[in-house]
Every structure is written in structure tokens, then in C-alpha cells.
Amino acid sequence: MPARLHPQKNADSTAIRGLYAIADTTVITLAAVEQAILGGAHVVQYRDKRGQGEERERQARALAALCTSYGVTFIVNDDVALAARVLAHGVHLGRDDAAIGEARRRLGAGAVIGVSCYNELDRALAAEAQGADYVAFGSVYPSPTKPAAVRANTELLRQAKARLRVPVVAIGGITTENAASLIAAGADAVAVISDLFARPDVQAAARRFSRLFR
């Protein structure tokens, strides 16, 4: 039976806009995520590639509660089962993760399902047809988190925006200095780790990103 979303927020794809903060457990704390939200982050994604089950669930539950308290959309990276257990608003799927239909059955009709599309417009078109609520392209710039990632350019973002109805997210190496060109090319949201959470003042950094969308 599909898990119910948190009753205080029935998220949808229109929530995927502006600053999309990637809460990677190698670089963030709960307090830092709160500062990002206070600075204007609309979406928070929990990303953990190394933790153990109990610790991952504890972290995800804490972030889910924080995001719900601020009315911010909370997404879990990769793990549909974890997203269901902590009542996340949705899940982000990569190439080797669960299928969109499986995630939808598990999380319910109101869940937000995002899909990594790397540098492949055809993959994004297929994901939309299968029910994805947003698609992400990248790495658009060299990324310290994924140095070997394929590269997506601004022309791909323009093509995607012209052909897709769902929100388009840019990810990878994004800074406040280069994000404006991605937004101009059609990115509805920019997903950021380092240039947000590595800053000494996370809230101020989040505000700088958020202002670019006004």
C-alpha cells in the first residue's frame, strides 16, 4: 500500500523551483540545512552514499521533520524504501535505482519523483512520459562531488525547456557566479552542494542563489 505523504504538505512538481539544496552527509549538518532553508531553499534532498541503515534513517527523519516545519519539499536520493519510511515528499532516482512506476506505487500519487538524466534529452522525454515530476541534467560544470560525471551544457537545458512540461533542474559545479546563465537557459531550479554548504555563512549563500530567480 502506498505510503501517505506528511499530512501538513502535499508536495507537487511546482515545488521544484529556485534553490534545490543537496544535503550530502559528507558536508552538511542539520543546522546548516536550516540555514539554507532560511535563506530561501525551496527543496532539500537527503543524499547519503556511505551511511548505515539506522543512521541514515535517523538523519532522514530529522531532515523530514525540519523541512515539514518550514513547508519545504523534502526528497530522498536513490532510496524509495527510505523515502516511504520517513514520509518524504518524494524521491530522486538515478540510472541504477528503482523504476518510476515502482516508486509511484510505493510512494503514492502525490509524491514528487525526480530523475537524473545526465546529458540525455531522450532519457528526460522518456522519464516525463513515464510519470516523472521533474528531471535533472548534469554535471553542467566540473563538480568536486562527482569529478567523473558526464557534462551537460546550456544548449541541452534550452532544448529540454522547449520540449518538456515538467521542471528542469541543473546540477553539478553550480555557483552563484555561473547559475544565472543556467536559469536564463531554462533551469527551473539549481541543485547545489559545495557553493552552498561550504560557505562560512550558509544562509547568506542561499539568499544569493534565491535572488537569481527573482
C-alpha atoms as a PDB file:
ATOM      1  CA  MET A   1       0.000   0.000   0.000  1.00  0.00           C
ATOM      2  CA  PRO A   2       1.493   3.406  -0.933  1.00  0.00           C
ATOM      3  CA  ALA A   3       2.881   5.442   1.922  1.00  0.00           C
ATOM      4  CA  ARG A   4       0.978   8.598   2.738  1.00  0.00           C
ATOM      5  CA  LEU A   5       2.780  11.889   2.459  1.00  0.00           C
ATOM      6  CA  HIS A   6       3.018  14.017   5.544  1.00  0.00           C
ATOM      7  CA  PRO A   7      -0.458  15.485   6.082  1.00  0.00           C
ATOM      8  CA  GLN A   8       0.903  19.002   6.516  1.00  0.00           C
ATOM      9  CA  LYS A   9       2.249  19.207   2.975  1.00  0.00           C
ATOM     10  CA  ASN A  10       1.018  17.559  -0.196  1.00  0.00           C
ATOM     11  CA  ALA A  11       4.019  18.291  -2.403  1.00  0.00           C
ATOM     12  CA  ASP A  12       3.875  18.525  -6.181  1.00  0.00           C
ATOM     13  CA  SER A  13       6.222  19.298  -9.045  1.00  0.00           C
ATOM     14  CA  THR A  14       5.505  23.044  -8.859  1.00  0.00           C
ATOM     15  CA  ALA A  15       7.573  22.981  -5.664  1.00  0.00           C
ATOM     16  CA  ILE A  16      10.666  22.198  -7.750  1.00  0.00           C
ATOM     17  CA  ARG A  17      11.945  25.703  -8.344  1.00  0.00           C
ATOM     18  CA  GLY A  18      14.671  28.021  -7.176  1.00  0.00           C
ATOM     19  CA  LEU A  19      17.425  26.759  -4.896  1.00  0.00           C
ATOM     20  CA  TYR A  20      17.479  22.976  -4.533  1.00  0.00           C
ATOM     21  CA  ALA A  21      19.813  22.206  -1.629  1.00  0.00           C
ATOM     22  CA  ILE A  22      21.581  18.846  -1.704  1.00  0.00           C
ATOM     23  CA  ALA A  23      22.105  17.746   1.896  1.00  0.00           C
ATOM     24  CA  ASP A  24      25.071  15.451   1.311  1.00  0.00           C
ATOM     25  CA  THR A  25      26.049  13.849   4.595  1.00  0.00           C
ATOM     26  CA  THR A  26      29.750  14.307   3.875  1.00  0.00           C
ATOM     27  CA  VAL A  27      29.440  18.087   4.134  1.00  0.00           C
ATOM     28  CA  ILE A  28      26.254  19.125   5.974  1.00  0.00           C
ATOM     29  CA  THR A  29      24.687  19.305   9.399  1.00  0.00           C
ATOM     30  CA  LEU A  30      21.038  19.747  10.317  1.00  0.00           C
ATOM     31  CA  ALA A  31      21.789  23.302  11.433  1.00  0.00           C
ATOM     32  CA  ALA A  32      23.348  24.091   8.046  1.00  0.00           C
ATOM     33  CA  VAL A  33      20.272  22.793   6.226  1.00  0.00           C
ATOM     34  CA  GLU A  34      18.078  25.007   8.376  1.00  0.00           C
ATOM     35  CA  GLN A  35      20.224  27.993   7.420  1.00  0.00           C
ATOM     36  CA  ALA A  36      19.810  27.092   3.739  1.00  0.00           C
ATOM     37  CA  ILE A  37      16.040  26.977   4.179  1.00  0.00           C
ATOM     38  CA  LEU A  38      16.036  30.316   5.982  1.00  0.00           C
ATOM     39  CA  GLY A  39      17.999  31.709   3.037  1.00  0.00           C
ATOM     40  CA  GLY A  40      15.337  30.588   0.590  1.00  0.00           C
ATOM     41  CA  ALA A  41      15.918  26.951  -0.413  1.00  0.00           C
ATOM     42  CA  HIS A  42      12.639  25.530  -1.770  1.00  0.00           C
ATOM     43  CA  VAL A  43      13.768  21.900  -1.912  1.00  0.00           C
ATOM     44  CA  VAL A  44      16.106  19.780   0.227  1.00  0.00           C
ATOM     45  CA  GLN A  45      17.425  16.424  -0.929  1.00  0.00           C
ATOM     46  CA  TYR A  46      18.945  13.950   1.516  1.00  0.00           C
ATOM     47  CA  ARG A  47      21.965  12.312  -0.124  1.00  0.00           C
ATOM     48  CA  ASP A  48      23.988   9.672   1.686  1.00  0.00           C
ATOM     49  CA  LYS A  49      26.282   7.248  -0.126  1.00  0.00           C
ATOM     50  CA  ARG A  50      28.087   5.680   2.807  1.00  0.00           C
ATOM     51  CA  GLY A  51      25.944   5.568   5.957  1.00  0.00           C
ATOM     52  CA  GLN A  52      24.444   2.580   7.735  1.00  0.00           C
ATOM     53  CA  GLY A  53      20.725   1.864   7.825  1.00  0.00           C
ATOM     54  CA  GLU A  54      19.839   3.141  11.283  1.00  0.00           C
ATOM     55  CA  GLU A  55      21.955   6.270  10.977  1.00  0.00           C
ATOM     56  CA  ARG A  56      20.586   7.059   7.529  1.00  0.00           C
ATOM     57  CA  GLU A  57      17.029   6.732   8.789  1.00  0.00           C
ATOM     58  CA  ARG A  58      17.740   8.913  11.816  1.00  0.00           C
ATOM     59  CA  GLN A  59      19.231  11.630   9.605  1.00  0.00           C
ATOM     60  CA  ALA A  60      16.451  11.410   7.043  1.00  0.00           C
ATOM     61  CA  ARG A  61      13.733  11.612   9.694  1.00  0.00           C
ATOM     62  CA  ALA A  62      15.353  14.674  11.236  1.00  0.00           C
ATOM     63  CA  LEU A  63      15.545  16.395   7.858  1.00  0.00           C
ATOM     64  CA  ALA A  64      11.971  15.405   7.004  1.00  0.00           C
ATOM     65  CA  ALA A  65      10.741  16.966  10.240  1.00  0.00           C
ATOM     66  CA  LEU A  66      12.774  20.117   9.637  1.00  0.00           C
ATOM     67  CA  CYS A  67      11.544  20.543   6.075  1.00  0.00           C
ATOM     68  CA  THR A  68       7.929  19.931   7.059  1.00  0.00           C
ATOM     69  CA  SER A  69       8.164  22.543   9.808  1.00  0.00           C
ATOM     70  CA  TYR A  70       9.217  25.124   7.211  1.00  0.00           C
ATOM     71  CA  GLY A  71       6.916  23.943   4.415  1.00  0.00           C
ATOM     72  CA  VAL A  72       9.859  22.896   2.229  1.00  0.00           C
ATOM     73  CA  THR A  73       9.786  19.901  -0.094  1.00  0.00           C
ATOM     74  CA  PHE A  74      11.935  17.014   1.148  1.00  0.00           C
ATOM     75  CA  ILE A  75      13.367  14.498  -1.321  1.00  0.00           C
ATOM     76  CA  VAL A  76      15.385  11.334  -0.607  1.00  0.00           C
ATOM     77  CA  ASN A  77      18.107  10.400  -3.072  1.00  0.00           C
ATOM     78  CA  ASP A  78      18.041   6.882  -4.532  1.00  0.00           C
ATOM     79  CA  ASP A  79      16.202   5.032  -1.767  1.00  0.00           C
ATOM     80  CA  VAL A  80      12.447   4.581  -2.303  1.00  0.00           C
ATOM     81  CA  ALA A  81      12.038   2.432   0.812  1.00  0.00           C
ATOM     82  CA  LEU A  82      13.706   5.048   2.998  1.00  0.00           C
ATOM     83  CA  ALA A  83      11.584   7.798   1.450  1.00  0.00           C
ATOM     84  CA  ALA A  84       8.471   5.796   2.324  1.00  0.00           C
ATOM     85  CA  ARG A  85       9.557   5.111   5.895  1.00  0.00           C
ATOM     86  CA  VAL A  86      10.329   8.743   6.756  1.00  0.00           C
ATOM     87  CA  LEU A  87       7.291  10.107   4.861  1.00  0.00           C
ATOM     88  CA  ALA A  88       9.418  12.150   2.477  1.00  0.00           C
ATOM     89  CA  HIS A  89       7.623  14.181  -0.144  1.00  0.00           C
ATOM     90  CA  GLY A  90       9.415  12.287  -2.865  1.00  0.00           C
ATOM     91  CA  VAL A  91      12.461  10.518  -4.212  1.00  0.00           C
ATOM     92  CA  HIS A  92      15.180  11.232  -6.756  1.00  0.00           C
ATOM     93  CA  LEU A  93      16.120   8.305  -8.995  1.00  0.00           C
ATOM     94  CA  GLY A  94      19.352   7.605 -10.860  1.00  0.00           C
ATOM     95  CA  ARG A  95      20.096   5.205 -13.673  1.00  0.00           C
ATOM     96  CA  ASP A  96      20.514   2.189 -11.399  1.00  0.00           C
ATOM     97  CA  ASP A  97      17.662   2.938  -8.981  1.00  0.00           C
ATOM     98  CA  ALA A  98      14.036   1.834  -8.907  1.00  0.00           C
ATOM     99  CA  ALA A  99      11.781   2.399 -11.908  1.00  0.00           C
ATOM    100  CA  ILE A 100       9.470   5.408 -11.888  1.00  0.00           C
ATOM    101  CA  GLY A 101       6.366   3.207 -11.805  1.00  0.00           C
ATOM    102  CA  GLU A 102       7.672   1.231  -8.842  1.00  0.00           C
ATOM    103  CA  ALA A 103       8.446   4.435  -6.935  1.00  0.00           C
ATOM    104  CA  ARG A 104       4.994   5.798  -7.719  1.00  0.00           C
ATOM    105  CA  ARG A 105       3.293   2.633  -6.453  1.00  0.00           C
ATOM    106  CA  ARG A 106       5.311   2.738  -3.248  1.00  0.00           C
ATOM    107  CA  LEU A 107       5.055   6.466  -2.502  1.00  0.00           C
ATOM    108  CA  GLY A 108       1.632   7.315  -3.877  1.00  0.00           C
ATOM    109  CA  ALA A 109       0.121   9.630  -6.452  1.00  0.00           C
ATOM    110  CA  GLY A 110       1.093  12.802  -4.596  1.00  0.00           C
ATOM    111  CA  ALA A 111       4.806  12.023  -4.349  1.00  0.00           C
ATOM    112  CA  VAL A 112       7.385  14.057  -6.240  1.00  0.00           C
ATOM    113  CA  ILE A 113       9.573  11.806  -8.362  1.00  0.00           C
ATOM    114  CA  GLY A 114      12.693  13.232  -9.951  1.00  0.00           C
ATOM    115  CA  VAL A 115      15.011  11.519 -12.402  1.00  0.00           C
ATOM    116  CA  SER A 116      18.674  12.091 -13.225  1.00  0.00           C
ATOM    117  CA  CYS A 117      19.035  12.433 -16.984  1.00  0.00           C
ATOM    118  CA  TYR A 118      22.752  13.289 -17.147  1.00  0.00           C
ATOM    119  CA  ASN A 119      23.276  14.704 -20.679  1.00  0.00           C
ATOM    120  CA  GLU A 120      20.438  12.758 -22.349  1.00  0.00           C
ATOM    121  CA  LEU A 121      17.374  14.594 -23.595  1.00  0.00           C
ATOM    122  CA  ASP A 122      15.782  11.332 -24.777  1.00  0.00           C
ATOM    123  CA  ARG A 123      16.049   9.930 -21.253  1.00  0.00           C
ATOM    124  CA  ALA A 124      14.277  13.033 -19.942  1.00  0.00           C
ATOM    125  CA  LEU A 125      11.489  12.739 -22.508  1.00  0.00           C
ATOM    126  CA  ALA A 126      11.013   9.077 -21.583  1.00  0.00           C
ATOM    127  CA  ALA A 127      11.016   9.913 -17.866  1.00  0.00           C
ATOM    128  CA  GLU A 128       8.311  12.529 -18.354  1.00  0.00           C
ATOM    129  CA  ALA A 129       6.218  10.050 -20.349  1.00  0.00           C
ATOM    130  CA  GLN A 130       6.585   7.508 -17.527  1.00  0.00           C
ATOM    131  CA  GLY A 131       5.348   9.957 -14.909  1.00  0.00           C
ATOM    132  CA  ALA A 132       8.399  11.785 -13.575  1.00  0.00           C
ATOM    133  CA  ASP A 133       7.617  15.117 -11.921  1.00  0.00           C
ATOM    134  CA  TYR A 134      10.953  16.737 -12.746  1.00  0.00           C
ATOM    135  CA  VAL A 135      14.200  15.902 -14.500  1.00  0.00           C
ATOM    136  CA  ALA A 136      17.787  16.853 -13.666  1.00  0.00           C
ATOM    137  CA  PHE A 137      20.697  17.398 -16.061  1.00  0.00           C
ATOM    138  CA  GLY A 138      24.366  17.498 -15.200  1.00  0.00           C
ATOM    139  CA  SER A 139      27.039  17.851 -14.310  1.00  0.00           C
ATOM    140  CA  VAL A 140      26.787  21.226 -16.040  1.00  0.00           C
ATOM    141  CA  TYR A 141      30.199  22.291 -14.679  1.00  0.00           C
ATOM    142  CA  PRO A 142      33.090  20.342 -13.140  1.00  0.00           C
ATOM    143  CA  SER A 143      31.903  19.034  -9.791  1.00  0.00           C
ATOM    144  CA  PRO A 144      34.057  18.187  -6.756  1.00  0.00           C
ATOM    145  CA  THR A 145      31.341  15.753  -5.640  1.00  0.00           C
ATOM    146  CA  LYS A 146      31.262  13.839  -8.945  1.00  0.00           C
ATOM    147  CA  PRO A 147      34.502  14.624 -10.810  1.00  0.00           C
ATOM    148  CA  ALA A 148      33.958  11.877 -13.405  1.00  0.00           C
ATOM    149  CA  ALA A 149      30.350  12.823 -14.232  1.00  0.00           C
ATOM    150  CA  VAL A 150      29.280  13.391 -17.823  1.00  0.00           C
ATOM    151  CA  ARG A 151      28.742  17.011 -18.801  1.00  0.00           C
ATOM    152  CA  ALA A 152      25.523  18.723 -19.860  1.00  0.00           C
ATOM    153  CA  ASN A 153      25.558  22.187 -21.424  1.00  0.00           C
ATOM    154  CA  THR A 154      23.234  25.175 -21.549  1.00  0.00           C
ATOM    155  CA  GLU A 155      22.034  24.266 -25.032  1.00  0.00           C
ATOM    156  CA  LEU A 156      20.697  20.987 -23.639  1.00  0.00           C
ATOM    157  CA  LEU A 157      18.831  22.949 -20.964  1.00  0.00           C
ATOM    158  CA  ARG A 158      17.276  25.150 -23.664  1.00  0.00           C
ATOM    159  CA  GLN A 159      16.173  22.125 -25.671  1.00  0.00           C
ATOM    160  CA  ALA A 160      14.783  20.433 -22.576  1.00  0.00           C
ATOM    161  CA  LYS A 161      12.832  23.517 -21.536  1.00  0.00           C
ATOM    162  CA  ALA A 162      11.342  23.793 -25.010  1.00  0.00           C
ATOM    163  CA  ARG A 163      10.244  20.158 -25.171  1.00  0.00           C
ATOM    164  CA  LEU A 164       9.344  19.215 -21.599  1.00  0.00           C
ATOM    165  CA  ARG A 165       6.418  20.253 -19.423  1.00  0.00           C
ATOM    166  CA  VAL A 166       7.991  19.177 -16.134  1.00  0.00           C
ATOM    167  CA  PRO A 167      10.518  21.330 -14.252  1.00  0.00           C
ATOM    168  CA  VAL A 168      14.150  21.182 -15.338  1.00  0.00           C
ATOM    169  CA  VAL A 169      16.894  21.069 -12.690  1.00  0.00           C
ATOM    170  CA  ALA A 170      20.567  21.797 -13.352  1.00  0.00           C
ATOM    171  CA  ILE A 171      23.184  20.162 -11.135  1.00  0.00           C
ATOM    172  CA  GLY A 172      26.948  19.960 -10.848  1.00  0.00           C
ATOM    173  CA  GLY A 173      29.557  22.593 -10.052  1.00  0.00           C
ATOM    174  CA  ILE A 174      26.974  25.377  -9.781  1.00  0.00           C
ATOM    175  CA  THR A 175      27.967  28.625  -8.076  1.00  0.00           C
ATOM    176  CA  THR A 176      26.326  31.990  -7.619  1.00  0.00           C
ATOM    177  CA  GLU A 177      28.643  33.229 -10.382  1.00  0.00           C
ATOM    178  CA  ASN A 178      27.542  30.733 -13.046  1.00  0.00           C
ATOM    179  CA  ALA A 179      23.948  29.950 -12.041  1.00  0.00           C
ATOM    180  CA  ALA A 180      22.399  32.937 -13.839  1.00  0.00           C
ATOM    181  CA  SER A 181      23.298  31.543 -17.265  1.00  0.00           C
ATOM    182  CA  LEU A 182      21.629  28.237 -16.399  1.00  0.00           C
ATOM    183  CA  ILE A 183      18.459  29.981 -15.266  1.00  0.00           C
ATOM    184  CA  ALA A 184      18.455  32.033 -18.468  1.00  0.00           C
ATOM    185  CA  ALA A 185      18.770  28.792 -20.459  1.00  0.00           C
ATOM    186  CA  GLY A 186      15.675  27.388 -18.778  1.00  0.00           C
ATOM    187  CA  ALA A 187      16.631  25.789 -15.463  1.00  0.00           C
ATOM    188  CA  ASP A 188      13.682  25.988 -13.078  1.00  0.00           C
ATOM    189  CA  ALA A 189      15.955  25.044 -10.192  1.00  0.00           C
ATOM    190  CA  VAL A 190      19.657  24.714  -9.478  1.00  0.00           C
ATOM    191  CA  ALA A 191      20.876  21.901  -7.235  1.00  0.00           C
ATOM    192  CA  VAL A 192      23.844  22.899  -5.120  1.00  0.00           C
ATOM    193  CA  ILE A 193      26.116  21.305  -2.539  1.00  0.00           C
ATOM    194  CA  SER A 194      29.557  22.906  -2.293  1.00  0.00           C
ATOM    195  CA  ASP A 195      28.872  26.557  -3.083  1.00  0.00           C
ATOM    196  CA  LEU A 196      26.109  26.489  -0.507  1.00  0.00           C
ATOM    197  CA  PHE A 197      27.252  24.295   2.371  1.00  0.00           C
ATOM    198  CA  ALA A 198      30.988  25.006   2.104  1.00  0.00           C
ATOM    199  CA  ARG A 199      30.367  28.720   2.604  1.00  0.00           C
ATOM    200  CA  PRO A 200      31.004  30.194   6.053  1.00  0.00           C
ATOM    201  CA  ASP A 201      27.536  31.815   6.001  1.00  0.00           C
ATOM    202  CA  VAL A 202      25.133  29.268   4.507  1.00  0.00           C
ATOM    203  CA  GLN A 203      22.073  31.470   4.878  1.00  0.00           C
ATOM    204  CA  ALA A 204      23.715  34.352   3.023  1.00  0.00           C
ATOM    205  CA  ALA A 205      24.836  31.995   0.255  1.00  0.00           C
ATOM    206  CA  ALA A 206      21.294  30.650  -0.071  1.00  0.00           C
ATOM    207  CA  ARG A 207      19.952  34.192  -0.341  1.00  0.00           C
ATOM    208  CA  ARG A 208      22.363  34.952  -3.175  1.00  0.00           C
ATOM    209  CA  PHE A 209      21.132  31.921  -5.112  1.00  0.00           C
ATOM    210  CA  SER A 210      17.492  32.705  -4.357  1.00  0.00           C
ATOM    211  CA  ARG A 211      17.808  36.280  -5.618  1.00  0.00           C
ATOM    212  CA  LEU A 212      18.839  34.974  -9.035  1.00  0.00           C
ATOM    213  CA  PHE A 213      15.321  33.589  -9.525  1.00  0.00           C
ATOM    214  CA  ARG A 214      13.505  36.846  -8.858  1.00  0.00           C
END
